[in-house]
């Protein structure tokens, strides 16, 4: 569930003692277009992504395509329900003359590096990429699971003879086996869940592990899984028979559904303060709502550097009193700029004014 842009979001720094807006932090002119690009991606509009990429020559360069691909891979991880959105973005970019072929190759390489084998499999079995772009895999079990028609051996040959590429691609797309608890909760099929729960032996405290193609961060309770997917209807039903623990709070933030977060706030009388997760999963609107309702500072984890959330980086650099974290993020941004060949002026007008 997307939120509208907050009108009065902010972060109250104990150092400055004033209200800052998440959307009005100081962003150097040289990288504003990259920040706006991330805003557009997480706005879930494939046409807007295509338009923005087409209008910025940077994305036609080698480093620009790598940056574009890396952000799309992070989007795949941060928005497990938006698999179809990413496919639309991929199709629209690949349709562009000259740009499309180079982007396709760069994106598939990025997926291979960032554990996006499921997406590569889907692209292959929906005829979006040719076999030559499929990365070489050493693990025969992974080959049989994700690329059964490319596997070797008698068993693989028998599987290939009865193989249905369309049906297989649908399994890859869904992530979970149809009518499994994971599938029901992911797609918020609350009526099916209600029927499922009436079967003798059903347990509301059942623990769910990753699906065959859908890899979740860890084993989860049904309530935690609903929070992770932002499945509001299933969450409300499961909540009648379950209790809220810290995992539920954390994954409600990762899931990014404000309605679920508010339910938790009303029941526990506290806002789940997982601001690092907000930044890591690019829920900037939810972040704004959280800091508007809670005064906090210096609670961010240094592992934010694995995220690509540039708006979040500049927000923390400007407002946090955690000197170590600010230094770490400034250094990371500097390295990112060098990698992308951006001509950033390392002077008072850019980073050092944050100290």
Foldseek 3Di string as FASTA:
>chain_A
DADDFDPQFAAQFPVVRDTDDLVPFDDDPLCPLVLVLLVVVVVLDLVVNLVSCVVDCLCQDPLNLLSVLLSLLLLCVLAVLCLVSSVSNLVSQLVDPPRNVVSVLSNLVSCVVSVVLLNVLLCDLVVNDDPVSRDDDDDLVVCCLRPLCPHDDPVSVVCVVPDDSVVSSVCSSQQADPLDLLSCLLVLVLVSVVVVCVDPPDDQQDWDAGHSNGHDPGIGGSLLSNLLNVNVNSNVVSCVVDDDDLSSLLSNLSNLNVVSQVVCCVVVVDGSPPLQSCLQSVSSSVSRVVSVVDHDADPHDLVSLVHPNPSVLSSCLQRHPPPVSNVSSVVSVVVSCVSSVRPDDPDCSHRPVSD
